[in-house]
Amino acid sequence: MYSRPIASLAIGAALVLTATGCSMISPQATTIEYSGAEGTNVYGAGPVEVRNAQIVATEDGSEGNFVAALVNDTEESQTLNIEFRGAESEITLSVRVPANTTVSLGTEDEDPILLEDLDTLPGQDIDGYFQSGDAEGVLVSVPVLDGSLDYLAPLAP
């Protein structure tokens, strides 16, 4: 007499768990941070956040322009230290980012930073070490692109 409703509830519960069980153990793709553009975002480099970092290089890879958005949300001016380590070269530079400001390298307001002796061909990555404030800094791969695309052409040296 009571077996039919109990069996219906058991089948319904099994159906619900089977249909939704995957979402219980699978990570949600919308919670995973990633760079949605050609460049790379740098996390953990200190108070200065680096967004869409990339190098637009000459065809032979001898030099390139460093392009990125540098965000300083702190109340103090910060210095971002960057080292690019190629196969046979090392390039060191520092960029001062004012308090509560975003510096967009490679725009009408701010020129990109020219990297001479780059020694990295377009299509490859170069190791970039980014550090600001008291943070230890992080090492990330920065893509080296060429100016063959219309919107990257003005950024090439």
C-alpha atoms as a PDB file:
ATOM      1  CA  MET A   1       0.000   0.000   0.000  1.00  0.00           C
ATOM      2  CA  TYR A   2       2.803   2.438   0.887  1.00  0.00           C
ATOM      3  CA  SER A   3       5.329   0.898  -1.476  1.00  0.00           C
ATOM      4  CA  ARG A   4       4.130   2.675  -4.640  1.00  0.00           C
ATOM      5  CA  PRO A   5       4.597   6.305  -3.317  1.00  0.00           C
ATOM      6  CA  ILE A   6       7.919   5.370  -1.686  1.00  0.00           C
ATOM      7  CA  ALA A   7       9.143   3.790  -4.935  1.00  0.00           C
ATOM      8  CA  SER A   8       8.072   6.910  -6.885  1.00  0.00           C
ATOM      9  CA  LEU A   9       9.983   9.145  -4.457  1.00  0.00           C
ATOM     10  CA  ALA A  10      13.069   6.921  -4.641  1.00  0.00           C
ATOM     11  CA  ILE A  11      13.032   6.925  -8.456  1.00  0.00           C
ATOM     12  CA  GLY A  12      12.521  10.723  -8.510  1.00  0.00           C
ATOM     13  CA  ALA A  13      15.417  11.279  -6.079  1.00  0.00           C
ATOM     14  CA  ALA A  14      17.687   8.988  -8.099  1.00  0.00           C
ATOM     15  CA  LEU A  15      16.739  10.820 -11.299  1.00  0.00           C
ATOM     16  CA  VAL A  16      17.473  14.254  -9.758  1.00  0.00           C
ATOM     17  CA  LEU A  17      20.844  13.117  -8.377  1.00  0.00           C
ATOM     18  CA  THR A  18      21.805  11.502 -11.676  1.00  0.00           C
ATOM     19  CA  ALA A  19      20.873  14.563 -13.731  1.00  0.00           C
ATOM     20  CA  THR A  20      22.621  17.090 -11.477  1.00  0.00           C
ATOM     21  CA  GLY A  21      25.473  15.023 -10.036  1.00  0.00           C
ATOM     22  CA  CYS A  22      28.068  16.302 -12.499  1.00  0.00           C
ATOM     23  CA  SER A  23      27.750  19.855 -11.277  1.00  0.00           C
ATOM     24  CA  MET A  24      28.511  18.771  -7.741  1.00  0.00           C
ATOM     25  CA  ILE A  25      32.060  17.639  -8.592  1.00  0.00           C
ATOM     26  CA  SER A  26      32.918  19.729 -11.674  1.00  0.00           C
ATOM     27  CA  PRO A  27      34.398  23.223 -11.311  1.00  0.00           C
ATOM     28  CA  GLN A  28      32.370  26.058 -12.773  1.00  0.00           C
ATOM     29  CA  ALA A  29      34.118  27.466 -15.834  1.00  0.00           C
ATOM     30  CA  THR A  30      32.984  30.990 -15.003  1.00  0.00           C
ATOM     31  CA  THR A  31      35.020  30.972 -11.778  1.00  0.00           C
ATOM     32  CA  ILE A  32      38.342  30.225 -13.504  1.00  0.00           C
ATOM     33  CA  GLU A  33      40.420  33.349 -14.204  1.00  0.00           C
ATOM     34  CA  TYR A  34      42.038  33.540 -17.637  1.00  0.00           C
ATOM     35  CA  SER A  35      43.310  36.089 -20.116  1.00  0.00           C
ATOM     36  CA  GLY A  36      40.633  36.633 -22.721  1.00  0.00           C
ATOM     37  CA  ALA A  37      42.959  38.472 -25.128  1.00  0.00           C
ATOM     38  CA  GLU A  38      46.312  37.935 -26.829  1.00  0.00           C
ATOM     39  CA  GLY A  39      48.303  39.093 -23.829  1.00  0.00           C
ATOM     40  CA  THR A  40      48.564  37.613 -20.383  1.00  0.00           C
ATOM     41  CA  ASN A  41      47.418  38.853 -16.994  1.00  0.00           C
ATOM     42  CA  VAL A  42      49.944  38.773 -14.164  1.00  0.00           C
ATOM     43  CA  TYR A  43      48.675  37.802 -10.712  1.00  0.00           C
ATOM     44  CA  GLY A  44      50.642  38.081  -7.465  1.00  0.00           C
ATOM     45  CA  ALA A  45      53.264  40.577  -8.622  1.00  0.00           C
ATOM     46  CA  GLY A  46      52.409  43.042  -5.850  1.00  0.00           C
ATOM     47  CA  PRO A  47      50.176  46.084  -5.579  1.00  0.00           C
ATOM     48  CA  VAL A  48      50.526  46.935  -9.290  1.00  0.00           C
ATOM     49  CA  GLU A  49      48.284  44.668 -11.361  1.00  0.00           C
ATOM     50  CA  VAL A  50      49.395  43.857 -14.920  1.00  0.00           C
ATOM     51  CA  ARG A  51      46.714  43.222 -17.547  1.00  0.00           C
ATOM     52  CA  ASN A  52      47.054  42.008 -21.154  1.00  0.00           C
ATOM     53  CA  ALA A  53      50.866  42.071 -21.172  1.00  0.00           C
ATOM     54  CA  GLN A  54      52.324  41.382 -24.610  1.00  0.00           C
ATOM     55  CA  ILE A  55      55.229  42.330 -26.824  1.00  0.00           C
ATOM     56  CA  VAL A  56      54.671  43.395 -30.424  1.00  0.00           C
ATOM     57  CA  ALA A  57      57.978  42.702 -32.180  1.00  0.00           C
ATOM     58  CA  THR A  58      59.650  43.225 -35.514  1.00  0.00           C
ATOM     59  CA  GLU A  59      59.600  40.372 -38.002  1.00  0.00           C
ATOM     60  CA  ASP A  60      63.116  39.260 -37.047  1.00  0.00           C
ATOM     61  CA  GLY A  61      62.423  39.579 -33.298  1.00  0.00           C
ATOM     62  CA  SER A  62      65.355  41.929 -32.725  1.00  0.00           C
ATOM     63  CA  GLU A  63      63.223  44.518 -30.914  1.00  0.00           C
ATOM     64  CA  GLY A  64      59.668  44.901 -29.721  1.00  0.00           C
ATOM     65  CA  ASN A  65      57.246  47.154 -27.902  1.00  0.00           C
ATOM     66  CA  PHE A  66      55.969  46.121 -24.479  1.00  0.00           C
ATOM     67  CA  VAL A  67      52.220  46.795 -24.270  1.00  0.00           C
ATOM     68  CA  ALA A  68      50.090  46.366 -21.133  1.00  0.00           C
ATOM     69  CA  ALA A  69      47.700  48.029 -18.722  1.00  0.00           C
ATOM     70  CA  LEU A  70      49.290  48.696 -15.319  1.00  0.00           C
ATOM     71  CA  VAL A  71      46.772  49.237 -12.529  1.00  0.00           C
ATOM     72  CA  ASN A  72      47.658  50.802  -9.177  1.00  0.00           C
ATOM     73  CA  ASP A  73      44.642  50.833  -6.844  1.00  0.00           C
ATOM     74  CA  THR A  74      46.676  51.910  -3.809  1.00  0.00           C
ATOM     75  CA  GLU A  75      46.940  55.340  -2.215  1.00  0.00           C
ATOM     76  CA  GLU A  76      50.686  55.545  -2.982  1.00  0.00           C
ATOM     77  CA  SER A  77      52.709  55.696  -6.168  1.00  0.00           C
ATOM     78  CA  GLN A  78      54.280  52.306  -6.951  1.00  0.00           C
ATOM     79  CA  THR A  79      57.156  51.063  -9.108  1.00  0.00           C
ATOM     80  CA  LEU A  80      56.747  47.951 -11.232  1.00  0.00           C
ATOM     81  CA  ASN A  81      60.036  46.160 -11.935  1.00  0.00           C
ATOM     82  CA  ILE A  82      60.135  43.907 -15.001  1.00  0.00           C
ATOM     83  CA  GLU A  83      62.810  41.546 -16.311  1.00  0.00           C
ATOM     84  CA  PHE A  84      62.450  39.815 -19.664  1.00  0.00           C
ATOM     85  CA  ARG A  85      64.687  36.783 -20.095  1.00  0.00           C
ATOM     86  CA  GLY A  86      65.176  35.618 -23.651  1.00  0.00           C
ATOM     87  CA  ALA A  87      67.395  32.832 -24.938  1.00  0.00           C
ATOM     88  CA  GLU A  88      70.422  35.116 -25.120  1.00  0.00           C
ATOM     89  CA  SER A  89      69.256  38.392 -23.634  1.00  0.00           C
ATOM     90  CA  GLU A  90      67.988  39.933 -20.430  1.00  0.00           C
ATOM     91  CA  ILE A  91      66.103  43.230 -20.429  1.00  0.00           C
ATOM     92  CA  THR A  92      65.367  45.083 -17.188  1.00  0.00           C
ATOM     93  CA  LEU A  93      63.016  48.035 -16.839  1.00  0.00           C
ATOM     94  CA  SER A  94      61.008  49.911 -14.213  1.00  0.00           C
ATOM     95  CA  VAL A  95      57.709  51.746 -14.634  1.00  0.00           C
ATOM     96  CA  ARG A  96      56.347  54.215 -12.097  1.00  0.00           C
ATOM     97  CA  VAL A  97      52.559  54.008 -11.703  1.00  0.00           C
ATOM     98  CA  PRO A  98      50.884  56.910  -9.835  1.00  0.00           C
ATOM     99  CA  ALA A  99      48.400  56.242  -7.025  1.00  0.00           C
ATOM    100  CA  ASN A 100      44.861  55.246  -8.036  1.00  0.00           C
ATOM    101  CA  THR A 101      45.819  55.242 -11.717  1.00  0.00           C
ATOM    102  CA  THR A 102      45.874  52.929 -14.702  1.00  0.00           C
ATOM    103  CA  VAL A 103      48.764  53.375 -17.119  1.00  0.00           C
ATOM    104  CA  SER A 104      47.886  51.909 -20.514  1.00  0.00           C
ATOM    105  CA  LEU A 105      51.113  51.389 -22.450  1.00  0.00           C
ATOM    106  CA  GLY A 106      50.526  51.525 -26.190  1.00  0.00           C
ATOM    107  CA  THR A 107      47.622  53.968 -26.280  1.00  0.00           C
ATOM    108  CA  GLU A 108      47.275  57.564 -27.434  1.00  0.00           C
ATOM    109  CA  ASP A 109      48.021  58.716 -23.880  1.00  0.00           C
ATOM    110  CA  GLU A 110      51.032  56.491 -23.207  1.00  0.00           C
ATOM    111  CA  ASP A 111      53.638  55.112 -25.630  1.00  0.00           C
ATOM    112  CA  PRO A 112      54.668  51.462 -25.439  1.00  0.00           C
ATOM    113  CA  ILE A 113      58.099  50.666 -24.004  1.00  0.00           C
ATOM    114  CA  LEU A 114      60.694  49.786 -26.653  1.00  0.00           C
ATOM    115  CA  LEU A 115      62.694  46.649 -25.863  1.00  0.00           C
ATOM    116  CA  GLU A 116      65.961  46.543 -27.810  1.00  0.00           C
ATOM    117  CA  ASP A 117      67.983  43.321 -28.206  1.00  0.00           C
ATOM    118  CA  LEU A 118      64.806  41.289 -27.655  1.00  0.00           C
ATOM    119  CA  ASP A 119      66.100  38.208 -29.514  1.00  0.00           C
ATOM    120  CA  THR A 120      62.682  36.503 -29.539  1.00  0.00           C
ATOM    121  CA  LEU A 121      60.715  35.788 -32.714  1.00  0.00           C
ATOM    122  CA  PRO A 122      57.011  36.598 -32.996  1.00  0.00           C
ATOM    123  CA  GLY A 123      54.937  33.540 -32.168  1.00  0.00           C
ATOM    124  CA  GLN A 124      57.143  32.593 -29.234  1.00  0.00           C
ATOM    125  CA  ASP A 125      56.843  33.416 -25.547  1.00  0.00           C
ATOM    126  CA  ILE A 126      59.430  35.158 -23.407  1.00  0.00           C
ATOM    127  CA  ASP A 127      59.787  34.776 -19.655  1.00  0.00           C
ATOM    128  CA  GLY A 128      58.833  37.936 -17.793  1.00  0.00           C
ATOM    129  CA  TYR A 129      59.463  38.496 -14.097  1.00  0.00           C
ATOM    130  CA  PHE A 130      57.106  41.114 -12.602  1.00  0.00           C
ATOM    131  CA  GLN A 131      57.514  42.600  -9.114  1.00  0.00           C
ATOM    132  CA  SER A 132      56.143  45.633  -7.247  1.00  0.00           C
ATOM    133  CA  GLY A 133      55.953  46.782  -3.642  1.00  0.00           C
ATOM    134  CA  ASP A 134      57.041  44.253  -1.014  1.00  0.00           C
ATOM    135  CA  ALA A 135      55.876  41.255  -3.057  1.00  0.00           C
ATOM    136  CA  GLU A 136      58.306  38.568  -4.092  1.00  0.00           C
ATOM    137  CA  GLY A 137      57.147  38.802  -7.717  1.00  0.00           C
ATOM    138  CA  VAL A 138      56.134  36.192 -10.266  1.00  0.00           C
ATOM    139  CA  LEU A 139      57.533  34.685 -13.448  1.00  0.00           C
ATOM    140  CA  VAL A 140      55.074  34.377 -16.359  1.00  0.00           C
ATOM    141  CA  SER A 141      55.274  33.683 -20.082  1.00  0.00           C
ATOM    142  CA  VAL A 142      54.572  36.793 -22.141  1.00  0.00           C
ATOM    143  CA  PRO A 143      53.531  36.291 -25.790  1.00  0.00           C
ATOM    144  CA  VAL A 144      55.579  37.935 -28.541  1.00  0.00           C
ATOM    145  CA  LEU A 145      53.374  38.962 -31.468  1.00  0.00           C
ATOM    146  CA  ASP A 146      53.988  40.699 -34.778  1.00  0.00           C
ATOM    147  CA  GLY A 147      52.193  43.616 -36.387  1.00  0.00           C
ATOM    148  CA  SER A 148      50.487  41.596 -39.119  1.00  0.00           C
ATOM    149  CA  LEU A 149      47.016  42.163 -37.649  1.00  0.00           C
ATOM    150  CA  ASP A 150      45.503  45.577 -38.350  1.00  0.00           C
ATOM    151  CA  TYR A 151      45.019  46.532 -34.716  1.00  0.00           C
ATOM    152  CA  LEU A 152      48.555  45.446 -33.733  1.00  0.00           C
ATOM    153  CA  ALA A 153      50.314  47.149 -36.661  1.00  0.00           C
ATOM    154  CA  PRO A 154      50.493  50.587 -34.967  1.00  0.00           C
ATOM    155  CA  LEU A 155      52.100  48.960 -31.913  1.00  0.00           C
ATOM    156  CA  ALA A 156      55.027  47.414 -33.810  1.00  0.00           C
ATOM    157  CA  PRO A 157      58.385  49.251 -33.585  1.00  0.00           C
END
